[in-house]
Amino acid sequence: MERKLFGDISPFTYAIAVKRQILQRTVRDLIRRTPLATSRDQQDLPVVIYKHNSLIRRKLGNVDLLLQENKAVSLGLAAPHIDGILIKPGETFSFWHLVGHCSEKKGYKMGMTVSSNGPASGIGGGLCQFTNLLHWMVLHSPLEIVEHHHHGGIDLFPDFNRQIPFGTGTSIVYNYLDYRVHNPTASTFQFRVSVTDEYLRGELRSNGAPGVKVHVKEAESYFQEVGGEVYRRNKVHRRVIDKRTGNEIANDLIVESNAKVLYDRELINAPIRPDQSVAAGR
């Protein structure tokens, strides 16, 4: 019999394990004394590095639409904590350091979360859409991602007006699964974010134009049957081009997905490649 982890024994032990993780992160930050971004400016920095709009209400399989409405509320509460934040040279942006713990007392609602087995729900659920937006913008900049977690291994929902490549999302849990970005440059960067009725809108700005252009592209994207299950596979590359010379400085593979599809294959709007092991045995 496989031995259970302490946090898996019961809801009580899970709560204890979570509190321990939160305490460990808090102590670690105090010991390391990482300079975290806290200054903000409600005046736009002059240069737009990248901007993106993320649709708030999406069709996610059979997920209760109320969770989508609740997510909109939670995004609206979190946005002012991020909007205008400056990431000065040498500083690190921490999502949870700025937003803080999400509680019902603060007005956060029950939203969709993701567990290892699929969709679940919790207070503040859906805020990963916020860090998804930030992450997509940061990928197009010289900022350095120092902490990033994602929902690896599973594809929960069929695509609905997908705008960014599969696998480029994030996973966050207060405060031990954070999204953190370090500024190694001599320029100051700024996040501008706002929530409308339809979209979470974001801009990454700076006080100086970077000397590089960044392209993030998906390749080798397909679905394939393996042992009676369907898997989603893709690769995402990040190319960095020197603006002055036009030369490629870097071309990195940043995502390589092999995710089990958890929804009905009839909802896949793409060809499904046959099982290669079966084809080879013919």
Protein backbone atom coordinates (compact mmCIF):
# COMPACT_ATOMS: atom_id res chain seq x y z
CA MET A 1 0.00 0.00 0.00
CA GLU A 2 1.37 3.38 -1.01
CA ARG A 3 2.10 5.63 1.95
CA LYS A 4 0.08 8.85 2.00
CA LEU A 5 1.72 12.24 2.36
CA PHE A 6 0.88 14.05 5.60
CA GLY A 7 -1.22 16.62 3.75
CA ASP A 8 -3.27 13.89 2.03
CA ILE A 9 -4.45 12.16 5.21
CA SER A 10 -7.37 14.48 5.92
CA PRO A 11 -8.60 18.06 5.37
CA PHE A 12 -7.15 18.93 8.79
CA THR A 13 -3.66 17.69 7.96
CA TYR A 14 -3.90 19.38 4.55
CA ALA A 15 -4.61 22.72 6.26
CA ILE A 16 -1.60 22.21 8.54
CA ALA A 17 0.63 21.37 5.56
CA VAL A 18 -0.50 24.54 3.75
CA LYS A 19 0.19 26.74 6.79
CA ARG A 20 3.63 25.19 7.07
CA GLN A 21 4.37 25.98 3.42
CA ILE A 22 3.22 29.58 3.89
CA LEU A 23 5.40 30.00 6.98
CA GLN A 24 8.41 28.50 5.23
CA ARG A 25 8.07 30.96 2.32
CA THR A 26 7.69 33.91 4.71
CA VAL A 27 10.80 32.93 6.67
CA ARG A 28 12.77 32.27 3.49
CA ASP A 29 11.98 35.75 2.18
CA LEU A 30 13.05 37.33 5.46
CA ILE A 31 16.35 35.45 5.44
CA ARG A 32 17.19 36.14 1.80
CA ARG A 33 16.13 39.80 1.94
CA THR A 34 15.32 39.83 -1.75
CA PRO A 35 14.55 43.43 -2.84
CA LEU A 36 10.88 43.15 -3.79
CA ALA A 37 9.08 45.68 -5.97
CA THR A 38 6.72 47.88 -3.94
CA SER A 39 6.91 51.35 -5.55
CA ARG A 40 4.22 52.38 -7.98
CA ASP A 41 3.44 55.22 -10.36
CA GLN A 42 -0.01 55.91 -11.77
CA GLN A 43 1.58 57.80 -14.65
CA ASP A 44 2.45 55.57 -17.61
CA LEU A 45 6.11 54.94 -18.32
CA PRO A 46 6.71 56.08 -21.93
CA VAL A 47 7.57 52.85 -23.77
CA VAL A 48 5.07 50.02 -24.32
CA ILE A 49 6.99 46.73 -24.34
CA TYR A 50 3.96 44.48 -24.83
CA LYS A 51 0.21 44.53 -24.23
CA HIS A 52 -2.46 41.86 -24.15
CA ASN A 53 -6.17 41.48 -23.37
CA SER A 54 -7.45 38.31 -21.71
CA LEU A 55 -11.12 37.35 -22.02
CA ILE A 56 -12.55 36.90 -18.52
CA ARG A 57 -15.62 34.74 -19.12
CA ARG A 58 -14.79 31.64 -21.10
CA LYS A 59 -16.65 28.45 -21.87
CA LEU A 60 -14.80 25.85 -19.80
CA GLY A 61 -16.55 22.54 -20.34
CA ASN A 62 -19.18 21.95 -17.66
CA VAL A 63 -17.71 24.37 -15.11
CA ASP A 64 -20.41 26.32 -13.25
CA LEU A 65 -20.79 29.74 -14.88
CA LEU A 66 -21.12 31.29 -11.41
CA LEU A 67 -17.43 30.49 -10.88
CA GLN A 68 -16.66 32.59 -13.96
CA GLU A 69 -18.66 35.51 -12.56
CA ASN A 70 -16.92 35.13 -9.22
CA LYS A 71 -13.55 35.11 -10.96
CA ALA A 72 -14.37 38.47 -12.51
CA VAL A 73 -14.94 39.87 -9.01
CA SER A 74 -11.66 38.45 -7.70
CA LEU A 75 -9.69 39.78 -10.68
CA GLY A 76 -11.17 43.21 -10.05
CA LEU A 77 -10.07 43.11 -6.42
CA ALA A 78 -6.52 42.01 -7.27
CA ALA A 79 -5.92 44.45 -10.15
CA PRO A 80 -5.32 47.62 -8.06
CA HIS A 81 -2.57 45.83 -6.14
CA ILE A 82 -0.63 45.26 -9.38
CA ASP A 83 -1.55 48.29 -11.48
CA GLY A 84 1.23 50.86 -11.71
CA ILE A 85 3.81 48.74 -9.90
CA LEU A 86 7.39 49.60 -10.83
CA ILE A 87 10.09 46.95 -11.14
CA LYS A 88 13.28 48.92 -10.72
CA PRO A 89 16.77 47.63 -11.67
CA GLY A 90 17.74 44.80 -9.33
CA GLU A 91 14.24 44.38 -7.91
CA THR A 92 12.01 41.30 -8.01
CA PHE A 93 8.27 41.39 -8.66
CA SER A 94 6.24 39.02 -6.47
CA PHE A 95 2.55 38.56 -7.22
CA TRP A 96 1.61 37.36 -3.75
CA HIS A 97 3.73 39.94 -1.94
CA LEU A 98 1.57 42.63 -3.58
CA VAL A 99 -1.87 40.97 -3.67
CA GLY A 100 -1.70 39.27 -0.29
CA HIS A 101 -3.90 36.49 1.00
CA CYS A 102 -7.28 36.18 -0.73
CA SER A 103 -10.12 35.82 1.77
CA GLU A 104 -13.89 36.13 1.87
CA LYS A 105 -13.46 38.99 4.33
CA LYS A 106 -11.64 40.95 1.60
CA GLY A 107 -14.45 40.21 -0.86
CA TYR A 108 -12.84 37.40 -2.86
CA LYS A 109 -15.25 34.81 -4.22
CA MET A 110 -15.27 31.07 -4.78
CA GLY A 111 -13.66 30.41 -8.16
CA MET A 112 -12.24 27.56 -10.17
CA THR A 113 -8.95 26.03 -9.11
CA VAL A 114 -6.99 23.13 -10.57
CA SER A 115 -5.93 20.02 -8.68
CA SER A 116 -3.93 17.07 -9.95
CA ASN A 117 -7.19 15.31 -10.81
CA GLY A 118 -8.94 18.16 -12.58
CA PRO A 119 -11.04 21.24 -11.82
CA ALA A 120 -11.92 22.15 -8.22
CA SER A 121 -12.93 25.36 -6.45
CA GLY A 122 -11.63 27.67 -3.75
CA ILE A 123 -11.69 31.27 -2.53
CA GLY A 124 -9.87 33.46 -5.05
CA GLY A 125 -9.91 30.70 -7.64
CA GLY A 126 -9.21 31.95 -11.15
CA LEU A 127 -6.44 34.39 -10.25
CA CYS A 128 -4.02 32.27 -12.25
CA GLN A 129 -5.55 34.07 -15.26
CA PHE A 130 -3.94 37.22 -13.84
CA THR A 131 -0.47 35.69 -13.68
CA ASN A 132 -1.06 34.08 -17.09
CA LEU A 133 -1.45 37.60 -18.49
CA LEU A 134 1.63 38.91 -16.69
CA HIS A 135 3.68 35.89 -17.76
CA TRP A 136 2.76 36.26 -21.44
CA MET A 137 3.84 39.91 -21.40
CA VAL A 138 7.05 39.18 -19.49
CA LEU A 139 8.03 36.51 -22.03
CA HIS A 140 8.23 39.33 -24.60
CA SER A 141 10.64 41.38 -22.49
CA PRO A 142 14.19 41.27 -21.07
CA LEU A 143 12.82 40.57 -17.58
CA GLU A 144 14.01 37.32 -16.00
CA ILE A 145 11.45 34.82 -14.69
CA VAL A 146 12.77 33.47 -11.38
CA GLU A 147 9.68 31.60 -10.16
CA HIS A 148 7.02 30.06 -12.35
CA HIS A 149 4.73 27.08 -11.78
CA HIS A 150 2.22 25.64 -14.23
CA HIS A 151 -0.48 22.99 -14.55
CA GLY A 152 1.66 20.39 -16.25
CA GLY A 153 0.55 17.04 -17.54
CA ILE A 154 -3.16 17.70 -18.11
CA ASP A 155 -5.33 19.51 -20.67
CA LEU A 156 -8.51 20.35 -18.79
CA PHE A 157 -10.70 22.13 -21.32
CA PRO A 158 -11.17 22.40 -25.08
CA ASP A 159 -9.87 25.61 -26.66
CA PHE A 160 -12.19 28.61 -26.62
CA ASN A 161 -10.86 31.57 -28.61
CA ARG A 162 -7.31 30.65 -27.60
CA GLN A 163 -4.89 33.53 -28.15
CA ILE A 164 -1.68 32.24 -26.59
CA PRO A 165 0.05 28.87 -27.03
CA PHE A 166 -0.99 25.93 -24.88
CA GLY A 167 1.40 25.36 -22.00
CA THR A 168 2.32 29.00 -21.40
CA GLY A 169 0.02 29.39 -18.39
CA THR A 170 0.81 29.62 -14.69
CA SER A 171 -0.23 28.06 -11.41
CA ILE A 172 -0.28 30.05 -8.16
CA VAL A 173 -1.19 29.26 -4.54
CA TYR A 174 -0.75 31.78 -1.73
CA ASN A 175 2.08 32.29 -0.99
CA TYR A 176 4.32 29.32 -1.62
CA LEU A 177 3.55 28.95 -5.33
CA ASP A 178 4.32 32.47 -6.52
CA TYR A 179 4.98 34.19 -9.81
CA ARG A 180 8.23 36.18 -9.56
CA VAL A 181 10.17 38.24 -12.07
CA HIS A 182 13.61 39.83 -11.62
CA ASN A 183 14.79 42.96 -13.42
CA PRO A 184 18.45 42.45 -14.44
CA THR A 185 18.50 45.54 -16.70
CA ALA A 186 19.29 49.22 -16.15
CA SER A 187 15.71 50.20 -17.06
CA THR A 188 12.59 50.39 -14.90
CA PHE A 189 9.53 48.37 -15.92
CA GLN A 190 5.89 48.90 -15.05
CA PHE A 191 2.72 46.79 -15.12
CA ARG A 192 -0.53 48.55 -16.01
CA VAL A 193 -3.62 46.37 -15.56
CA SER A 194 -7.34 46.99 -15.51
CA VAL A 195 -10.56 45.00 -15.56
CA THR A 196 -13.47 45.77 -17.88
CA ASP A 197 -16.75 43.89 -18.18
CA GLU A 198 -15.17 41.57 -20.75
CA TYR A 199 -11.40 41.67 -20.41
CA LEU A 200 -8.46 41.70 -18.08
CA ARG A 201 -6.24 44.24 -19.85
CA GLY A 202 -2.51 44.47 -19.39
CA GLU A 203 0.47 46.50 -20.52
CA LEU A 204 4.14 46.07 -19.72
CA ARG A 205 5.89 49.43 -19.99
CA SER A 206 9.40 50.77 -19.47
CA ASN A 207 11.28 54.05 -19.25
CA GLY A 208 13.56 52.95 -22.07
CA ALA A 209 13.27 50.95 -25.27
CA PRO A 210 15.01 47.55 -25.04
CA GLY A 211 17.69 46.71 -27.57
CA VAL A 212 16.04 43.42 -28.42
CA LYS A 213 12.83 42.14 -30.01
CA VAL A 214 11.29 38.95 -28.65
CA HIS A 215 9.11 36.48 -30.57
CA VAL A 216 7.26 33.63 -28.82
CA LYS A 217 6.00 31.00 -31.26
CA GLU A 218 4.33 27.61 -31.04
CA ALA A 219 5.51 24.66 -33.14
CA GLU A 220 4.72 20.97 -33.53
CA SER A 221 1.23 21.32 -32.03
CA TYR A 222 -0.94 18.22 -32.33
CA PHE A 223 -3.12 15.66 -30.53
CA GLN A 224 -2.18 11.98 -30.45
CA GLU A 225 -3.82 8.83 -29.18
CA VAL A 226 -1.68 6.75 -26.83
CA GLY A 227 -3.02 3.57 -25.23
CA GLY A 228 -6.64 4.60 -25.63
CA GLU A 229 -6.07 8.09 -24.23
CA VAL A 230 -5.52 11.37 -26.10
CA TYR A 231 -2.51 13.57 -25.39
CA ARG A 232 -1.84 17.14 -26.43
CA ARG A 233 1.69 17.89 -27.53
CA ASN A 234 3.41 21.09 -28.54
CA LYS A 235 6.61 23.08 -28.29
CA VAL A 236 7.00 26.80 -27.70
CA HIS A 237 10.17 28.67 -28.65
CA ARG A 238 11.33 32.11 -27.55
CA ARG A 239 13.55 33.94 -30.06
CA VAL A 240 15.49 37.06 -29.10
CA ILE A 241 16.63 39.36 -31.92
CA ASP A 242 19.16 42.20 -31.63
CA LYS A 243 17.35 45.27 -32.99
CA ARG A 244 20.56 46.94 -34.15
CA THR A 245 22.08 44.06 -36.10
CA GLY A 246 19.06 41.86 -36.76
CA ASN A 247 21.02 38.88 -35.46
CA GLU A 248 19.42 36.15 -33.39
CA ILE A 249 20.79 36.29 -29.84
CA ALA A 250 18.86 33.34 -28.43
CA ASN A 251 16.36 30.71 -29.49
CA ASP A 252 15.19 28.74 -26.47
CA LEU A 253 12.66 25.95 -26.09
CA ILE A 254 10.55 27.20 -23.17
CA VAL A 255 7.64 24.73 -23.31
CA GLU A 256 7.41 21.08 -24.32
CA SER A 257 3.97 19.72 -23.48
CA ASN A 258 2.76 16.16 -23.23
CA ALA A 259 -0.60 16.67 -21.54
CA LYS A 260 -3.36 14.12 -21.07
CA VAL A 261 -6.68 15.39 -22.46
CA LEU A 262 -9.37 15.15 -19.77
CA TYR A 263 -12.36 16.21 -21.89
CA ASP A 264 -14.39 14.35 -24.53
CA ARG A 265 -12.34 13.81 -27.67
CA GLU A 266 -15.37 14.88 -29.71
CA LEU A 267 -14.66 18.44 -28.52
CA ILE A 268 -11.17 18.45 -30.05
CA ASN A 269 -11.29 20.69 -33.11
CA ALA A 270 -8.20 19.18 -34.73
CA PRO A 271 -7.10 15.83 -36.19
CA ILE A 272 -6.02 13.19 -33.66
CA ARG A 273 -2.96 11.29 -34.76
CA PRO A 274 -3.19 7.50 -34.38
CA ASP A 275 -1.37 5.53 -31.70
CA GLN A 276 2.12 4.95 -33.09
CA SER A 277 2.60 1.74 -31.10
CA VAL A 278 -0.52 0.25 -32.70
CA ALA A 279 0.53 1.45 -36.15
CA ALA A 280 3.99 -0.06 -35.68
CA GLY A 281 2.50 -3.43 -34.73
CA ARG A 282 0.51 -3.78 -37.90
